[in-house]
Protein backbone atom coordinates (compact mmCIF):
# COMPACT_ATOMS: atom_id res chain seq x y z
CA MET A 1 -4.54 -18.87 9.29
CA HIS A 2 -6.41 -21.01 11.64
CA LEU A 3 -6.72 -19.50 15.03
CA ARG A 4 -7.74 -21.26 18.62
CA CYS A 5 -10.22 -19.28 21.02
CA ALA A 6 -10.13 -20.34 24.74
CA VAL A 7 -13.20 -19.73 26.76
CA LEU A 8 -12.64 -19.77 30.49
CA ASP A 9 -14.79 -20.52 33.52
CA ASP A 10 -17.59 -22.02 31.34
CA PHE A 11 -18.76 -23.80 34.52
CA GLN A 12 -22.30 -24.64 32.96
CA SER A 13 -20.81 -25.89 29.52
CA ALA A 14 -23.03 -23.04 28.08
CA ALA A 15 -20.70 -20.60 26.40
CA THR A 16 -20.98 -22.81 22.99
CA THR A 17 -24.66 -23.48 23.30
CA VAL A 18 -26.69 -20.03 24.02
CA ALA A 19 -24.79 -18.33 21.21
CA ASP A 20 -23.84 -19.42 17.47
CA TRP A 21 -20.39 -19.79 16.76
CA SER A 22 -20.88 -21.34 13.21
CA PRO A 23 -19.41 -18.15 11.68
CA LEU A 24 -16.19 -18.66 13.30
CA ALA A 25 -15.87 -22.48 12.12
CA ASP A 26 -13.65 -21.94 9.34
CA ASP A 27 -11.13 -19.87 10.89
CA VAL A 28 -11.41 -20.19 14.73
CA GLU A 29 -11.18 -23.35 16.90
CA VAL A 30 -13.15 -22.80 19.97
CA VAL A 31 -12.11 -24.62 23.24
CA ALA A 32 -14.31 -24.21 26.37
CA PHE A 33 -12.54 -24.68 29.72
CA THR A 34 -15.16 -25.84 32.18
CA GLU A 35 -12.69 -25.87 35.29
CA HIS A 36 -11.30 -22.54 36.94
CA PHE A 37 -7.44 -22.31 36.84
CA ALA A 38 -6.31 -21.66 40.24
CA THR A 39 -3.06 -20.01 39.83
CA GLU A 40 -1.39 -17.88 37.07
CA ASP A 41 1.09 -20.68 36.27
CA GLU A 42 -1.82 -23.12 35.49
CA LEU A 43 -3.75 -20.54 33.57
CA ALA A 44 -0.50 -19.77 31.50
CA ALA A 45 0.09 -23.18 30.69
CA ALA A 46 -3.29 -24.25 29.70
CA ILE A 47 -3.89 -21.25 27.38
CA ALA A 48 -0.25 -20.88 25.99
CA ASP A 49 -1.30 -21.81 22.58
CA PHE A 50 -4.30 -19.82 22.16
CA ASP A 51 -4.48 -16.34 20.06
CA ILE A 52 -7.88 -15.33 21.52
CA VAL A 53 -9.34 -15.54 25.21
CA VAL A 54 -12.72 -14.92 26.05
CA THR A 55 -12.93 -14.36 29.98
CA LEU A 56 -15.86 -14.08 32.23
CA ARG A 57 -16.39 -10.54 34.03
CA GLU A 58 -13.53 -10.01 36.56
CA ARG A 59 -13.04 -13.19 37.70
CA VAL A 60 -9.34 -13.97 36.06
CA PRO A 61 -7.08 -11.22 36.58
CA PHE A 62 -4.56 -10.72 33.42
CA PRO A 63 -1.86 -8.61 34.62
CA ALA A 64 1.62 -7.78 33.10
CA SER A 65 2.99 -11.03 34.54
CA LEU A 66 0.52 -13.14 32.80
CA LEU A 67 0.03 -11.34 29.58
CA SER A 68 4.04 -11.47 29.03
CA ARG A 69 3.72 -15.23 28.88
CA LEU A 70 1.15 -15.39 26.51
CA THR A 71 3.01 -14.85 23.42
CA ARG A 72 0.49 -16.24 20.83
CA LEU A 73 -2.35 -13.99 22.28
CA LYS A 74 -3.62 -11.30 19.92
CA LEU A 75 -7.34 -10.71 21.42
CA LEU A 76 -8.68 -10.69 24.93
CA ILE A 77 -12.53 -10.34 25.28
CA ALA A 78 -14.08 -9.48 28.56
CA SER A 79 -17.89 -9.71 29.01
CA GLY A 80 -19.00 -6.18 30.16
CA MET A 81 -17.33 -2.93 29.19
CA ARG A 82 -15.64 -2.61 32.28
CA ASN A 83 -13.00 -4.72 33.76
CA SER A 84 -10.46 -3.57 36.36
CA VAL A 85 -8.35 -6.68 36.59
CA ILE A 86 -6.82 -6.42 33.02
CA ASP A 87 -3.49 -4.39 32.38
CA TYR A 88 -4.38 -2.70 29.38
CA ALA A 89 -1.24 -0.74 29.20
CA ALA A 90 0.71 -4.35 29.11
CA ALA A 91 -1.88 -5.58 26.52
CA GLU A 92 -1.17 -2.61 24.26
CA ALA A 93 2.41 -3.23 24.80
CA GLY A 94 2.00 -6.98 23.77
CA GLY A 95 0.17 -6.21 20.71
CA VAL A 96 -3.06 -7.70 22.34
CA THR A 97 -6.40 -6.18 21.69
CA VAL A 98 -9.03 -5.94 24.41
CA CYS A 99 -12.81 -5.81 23.41
CA GLY A 100 -15.97 -5.97 25.64
CA THR A 101 -19.87 -7.07 25.31
CA ALA A 102 -22.66 -5.34 26.51
CA SER A 103 -24.18 -6.54 29.96
CA SER A 104 -27.50 -6.16 31.54
CA SER A 105 -28.17 -4.87 35.18
CA THR A 106 -31.23 -7.02 35.34
CA PRO A 107 -29.91 -10.19 36.68
CA PRO A 108 -28.15 -8.54 39.60
CA VAL A 109 -31.06 -6.57 40.53
CA GLU A 110 -33.18 -9.63 40.40
CA LEU A 111 -30.60 -11.77 42.40
CA THR A 112 -30.51 -8.69 45.22
CA TRP A 113 -34.15 -9.52 45.41
CA ALA A 114 -33.89 -13.38 45.95
CA LEU A 115 -31.15 -13.13 48.48
CA LEU A 116 -32.88 -10.23 50.38
CA LEU A 117 -36.15 -12.05 50.47
CA GLY A 118 -34.36 -15.53 51.26
CA LEU A 119 -32.75 -13.89 54.48
CA ALA A 120 -35.86 -12.20 55.58
CA ARG A 121 -38.01 -15.28 55.32
CA GLY A 122 -35.51 -17.80 56.38
CA ILE A 123 -36.04 -19.91 53.08
CA VAL A 124 -33.10 -21.99 53.06
CA THR A 125 -32.92 -22.70 56.62
CA GLU A 126 -36.85 -23.95 56.33
CA ASN A 127 -36.26 -25.70 53.11
CA ASN A 128 -33.76 -27.79 54.87
CA ALA A 129 -35.69 -28.50 57.64
CA LEU A 130 -38.80 -29.62 55.32
CA ARG A 131 -36.40 -31.72 53.10
CA ASP A 132 -34.52 -33.41 56.10
CA GLY A 133 -37.41 -34.25 58.43
CA GLY A 134 -36.76 -31.15 60.70
CA PRO A 135 -38.68 -28.91 62.50
CA TRP A 136 -42.06 -28.02 61.28
CA GLN A 137 -41.32 -23.90 61.34
CA SER A 138 -38.50 -22.63 63.31
CA THR A 139 -38.02 -19.15 62.17
CA VAL A 140 -39.98 -15.94 62.23
CA GLY A 141 -39.93 -13.88 59.13
CA ALA A 142 -38.88 -10.43 59.05
CA ASP A 143 -41.32 -8.06 57.42
CA LEU A 144 -40.39 -5.74 54.54
CA HIS A 145 -43.28 -3.47 54.41
CA GLY A 146 -42.86 -0.49 56.18
CA ARG A 147 -39.32 -1.17 57.00
CA ARG A 148 -36.24 0.45 55.73
CA LEU A 149 -34.07 -0.24 53.12
CA GLY A 150 -30.54 1.55 53.03
CA LEU A 151 -28.80 1.50 49.68
CA LEU A 152 -25.18 2.07 49.20
CA GLY A 153 -25.10 3.31 45.60
CA LEU A 154 -27.80 4.44 43.43
CA GLY A 155 -26.77 3.88 40.11
CA LYS A 156 -28.20 1.54 37.39
CA ILE A 157 -28.33 -1.40 39.53
CA GLY A 158 -29.14 0.41 42.89
CA SER A 159 -31.92 2.58 41.61
CA ARG A 160 -33.54 -0.47 40.20
CA VAL A 161 -33.55 -1.95 43.68
CA ALA A 162 -35.07 0.90 45.11
CA GLN A 163 -37.89 0.51 42.86
CA VAL A 164 -38.69 -3.02 43.78
CA GLY A 165 -38.13 -1.64 47.58
CA LEU A 166 -40.83 0.90 46.92
CA ALA A 167 -43.24 -1.40 45.45
CA PHE A 168 -43.14 -3.47 48.71
CA GLY A 169 -43.93 -0.56 50.64
CA MET A 170 -40.47 0.05 51.94
CA ASP A 171 -39.04 3.22 53.35
CA VAL A 172 -36.17 3.65 50.86
CA VAL A 173 -32.87 5.71 51.56
CA ALA A 174 -29.60 5.66 49.94
CA TRP A 175 -25.98 7.44 50.01
CA SER A 176 -23.00 7.19 48.19
CA GLN A 177 -19.84 9.72 48.29
CA ASN A 178 -21.30 11.28 44.97
CA LEU A 179 -25.19 11.09 45.41
CA THR A 180 -26.96 14.25 45.44
CA GLU A 181 -30.43 14.89 46.69
CA LYS A 182 -31.82 15.76 43.12
CA ARG A 183 -30.83 12.12 42.06
CA ALA A 184 -32.17 10.61 45.09
CA GLU A 185 -35.46 12.47 44.13
CA GLU A 186 -35.60 11.29 40.87
CA VAL A 187 -35.58 7.69 41.90
CA GLY A 188 -38.16 8.34 44.59
CA VAL A 189 -36.13 7.76 47.54
CA GLU A 190 -34.58 9.70 50.48
CA LEU A 191 -31.01 10.92 50.35
CA ALA A 192 -29.32 9.82 53.99
CA ALA A 193 -27.35 12.54 55.50
CA SER A 194 -24.11 9.95 55.86
CA LYS A 195 -23.28 6.69 55.57
CA GLU A 196 -23.37 6.26 59.32
CA GLU A 197 -26.81 7.36 59.29
CA LEU A 198 -27.94 5.14 56.71
CA LEU A 199 -26.48 2.04 58.67
CA ALA A 200 -27.69 3.00 61.84
CA ASP A 201 -31.26 3.55 60.87
CA SER A 202 -31.93 0.66 58.16
CA ASP A 203 -33.43 -2.53 58.48
CA PHE A 204 -31.75 -3.94 55.49
CA VAL A 205 -28.50 -2.64 53.77
CA SER A 206 -27.86 -3.46 50.12
CA VAL A 207 -24.44 -2.58 48.41
CA HIS A 208 -24.46 -1.45 44.86
CA LEU A 209 -21.20 0.42 44.47
CA ALA A 210 -18.19 0.21 42.11
CA LEU A 211 -15.02 -0.84 43.58
CA SER A 212 -12.44 1.79 43.96
CA ASP A 213 -9.84 3.04 46.38
CA ARG A 214 -12.81 5.06 47.91
CA THR A 215 -15.17 2.10 48.37
CA ARG A 216 -12.75 -0.40 49.40
CA ASN A 217 -13.63 -1.45 52.98
CA LEU A 218 -16.37 1.05 53.19
CA VAL A 219 -18.02 -1.04 55.34
CA GLY A 220 -15.74 -2.20 58.15
CA ALA A 221 -15.80 -3.12 61.58
CA ARG A 222 -16.83 0.30 62.74
CA GLU A 223 -19.76 0.52 60.33
CA LEU A 224 -21.03 -3.12 60.79
CA ALA A 225 -21.37 -2.03 64.42
CA LEU A 226 -23.59 0.66 63.79
CA LEU A 227 -26.12 -2.09 62.43
CA LYS A 228 -28.89 -3.01 64.45
CA PRO A 229 -28.90 -6.40 66.00
CA THR A 230 -32.06 -7.16 63.86
CA ALA A 231 -30.59 -5.86 60.67
CA PHE A 232 -29.71 -7.92 57.42
CA LEU A 233 -26.58 -6.84 55.04
CA VAL A 234 -26.70 -7.94 51.12
CA ASN A 235 -23.59 -7.68 49.30
CA THR A 236 -23.73 -8.44 45.41
CA SER A 237 -21.21 -5.87 44.37
CA ARG A 238 -17.69 -6.54 45.08
CA ALA A 239 -16.51 -8.43 48.29
CA ALA A 240 -13.78 -5.86 48.82
CA ILE A 241 -16.14 -2.83 49.72
CA VAL A 242 -17.13 -4.95 52.94
CA ASP A 243 -14.58 -6.18 55.32
CA GLN A 244 -14.68 -9.78 54.88
CA ASP A 245 -13.15 -10.81 58.32
CA ALA A 246 -14.98 -7.96 60.20
CA LEU A 247 -18.25 -9.48 58.41
CA LEU A 248 -17.34 -12.80 59.53
CA SER A 249 -16.60 -11.76 62.98
CA ALA A 250 -20.29 -9.78 63.24
CA LEU A 251 -21.99 -13.05 61.84
CA ARG A 252 -20.17 -15.38 64.37
CA ASP A 253 -21.08 -13.12 67.10
CA GLY A 254 -24.75 -12.46 66.33
CA ARG A 255 -24.22 -8.82 65.95
CA ILE A 256 -26.20 -8.66 62.98
CA ALA A 257 -29.38 -11.02 62.12
CA GLY A 258 -27.64 -12.15 58.82
CA ALA A 259 -25.87 -11.51 55.58
CA ALA A 260 -25.92 -12.44 52.21
CA VAL A 261 -23.29 -12.23 49.50
CA ASP A 262 -22.75 -13.32 45.83
CA VAL A 263 -18.97 -12.01 45.62
CA PHE A 264 -15.96 -13.23 47.54
CA ASP A 265 -12.41 -12.22 48.12
CA ILE A 266 -11.25 -15.53 46.27
CA GLU A 267 -13.45 -16.86 43.47
CA PRO A 268 -14.30 -19.84 43.25
CA LEU A 269 -13.93 -20.13 47.01
CA PRO A 270 -11.68 -22.63 48.45
CA ALA A 271 -13.05 -25.77 49.83
CA ASP A 272 -12.17 -24.39 53.66
CA HIS A 273 -12.75 -21.06 53.16
CA PRO A 274 -14.62 -19.50 56.35
CA MET A 275 -17.28 -17.99 54.21
CA ARG A 276 -18.53 -21.73 53.33
CA SER A 277 -19.33 -22.35 56.91
CA ALA A 278 -20.35 -18.87 58.54
CA PRO A 279 -23.28 -18.88 60.59
CA ARG A 280 -26.24 -16.51 59.63
CA LEU A 281 -25.02 -16.55 55.99
CA LEU A 282 -26.70 -17.00 52.79
CA ALA A 283 -24.32 -17.27 50.23
CA THR A 284 -24.24 -17.71 46.40
CA PRO A 285 -21.60 -18.45 43.87
CA HIS A 286 -21.28 -15.20 42.16
CA LEU A 287 -24.54 -15.64 40.29
CA GLY A 288 -25.46 -11.89 39.64
CA TYR A 289 -24.59 -12.05 36.27
CA VAL A 290 -25.50 -15.55 35.40
CA SER A 291 -28.68 -15.77 33.48
CA ARG A 292 -29.72 -17.03 30.25
CA ALA A 293 -30.20 -13.42 28.49
CA ASN A 294 -26.73 -11.99 29.78
CA TYR A 295 -24.93 -15.49 28.39
CA GLU A 296 -26.57 -14.95 25.27
CA THR A 297 -25.64 -11.26 24.99
CA TYR A 298 -21.92 -12.27 26.28
CA TYR A 299 -21.05 -14.86 24.04
CA SER A 300 -22.76 -13.63 20.90
CA GLN A 301 -21.29 -10.38 21.11
CA ALA A 302 -17.82 -12.45 21.72
CA VAL A 303 -18.33 -13.94 18.31
CA GLU A 304 -19.09 -10.34 16.81
CA ASP A 305 -15.95 -9.18 18.77
CA ILE A 306 -13.87 -11.89 16.95
CA GLN A 307 -15.56 -11.47 13.43
CA ALA A 308 -14.74 -7.68 13.67
CA PHE A 309 -10.98 -8.29 14.94
CA LEU A 310 -10.48 -10.70 12.11
CA ALA A 311 -12.01 -8.11 9.52
CA GLY A 312 -9.20 -5.71 10.72
CA SER A 313 -11.98 -3.37 12.31
CA PRO A 314 -12.10 -4.19 16.07
CA VAL A 315 -15.49 -3.10 17.70
CA ARG A 316 -16.00 -2.71 21.69
CA VAL A 317 -12.44 -2.00 22.41
CA LEU A 318 -11.63 -1.53 25.97
CA GLY A 319 -8.44 0.35 27.50
């Protein structure tokens, strides 16, 4: 039986070039969609005739309301081994197998430092001025050496961000609800006494937590008010961890020196979204996981997932 596979959000037209899909050629027709479907109705209509769907990270929710409309769907593959926007119970009830792929923590670590350094040295402002014939030097860079880096979260990504901070000669502190002094010592950083202390004392704050009921809006207006007016905030984790309206207000009012974000409450961002025009904001379109090595892993393992499913022995099953 010839099956159809939809690859969603292939913005760079990379999915079918970074991996070898030829082993599926006799059994599966692969169709990559380079545009994002903004509504559930649009998505349901576009993929109604597909048996397999490959989706990137947690960009596209698959709630029961959508899964019930995809009557041909038998296999859903999500990059990464954790996905909070798939209704696994509904998938199981509808006979849909959900599989994942491996994912590297290296790309988000590297992007975090690209954003932090970009903020600290005014890279975008100075580059734009140079290209547009603007003033020759208009910013005074913030130093890293000897400054305090506060990390909200010290897991796989946070601990590697910490190592880079230490290499820059920064004073690195960390806090999370479950972080122990032993774990902090293992990474070589100091355990902050509280979230509030970390925010008040840090020159740079970077968020590296998973989104949960406990971390949603963990950094709100009250917490942002604790930051120094010279402090910078970086969020490459999940938008909902930082109250978006409170962050926009702090940026507009100049209560903090700046922020860098790679994650948003709506993705892709609508053209009129206030994040597109906020002052003191360095923003990237969720590039944290977007690297060649990660894409090679995602899509080559998606091919493996499909092969295993067709053979009757699914691998990397989620749920």
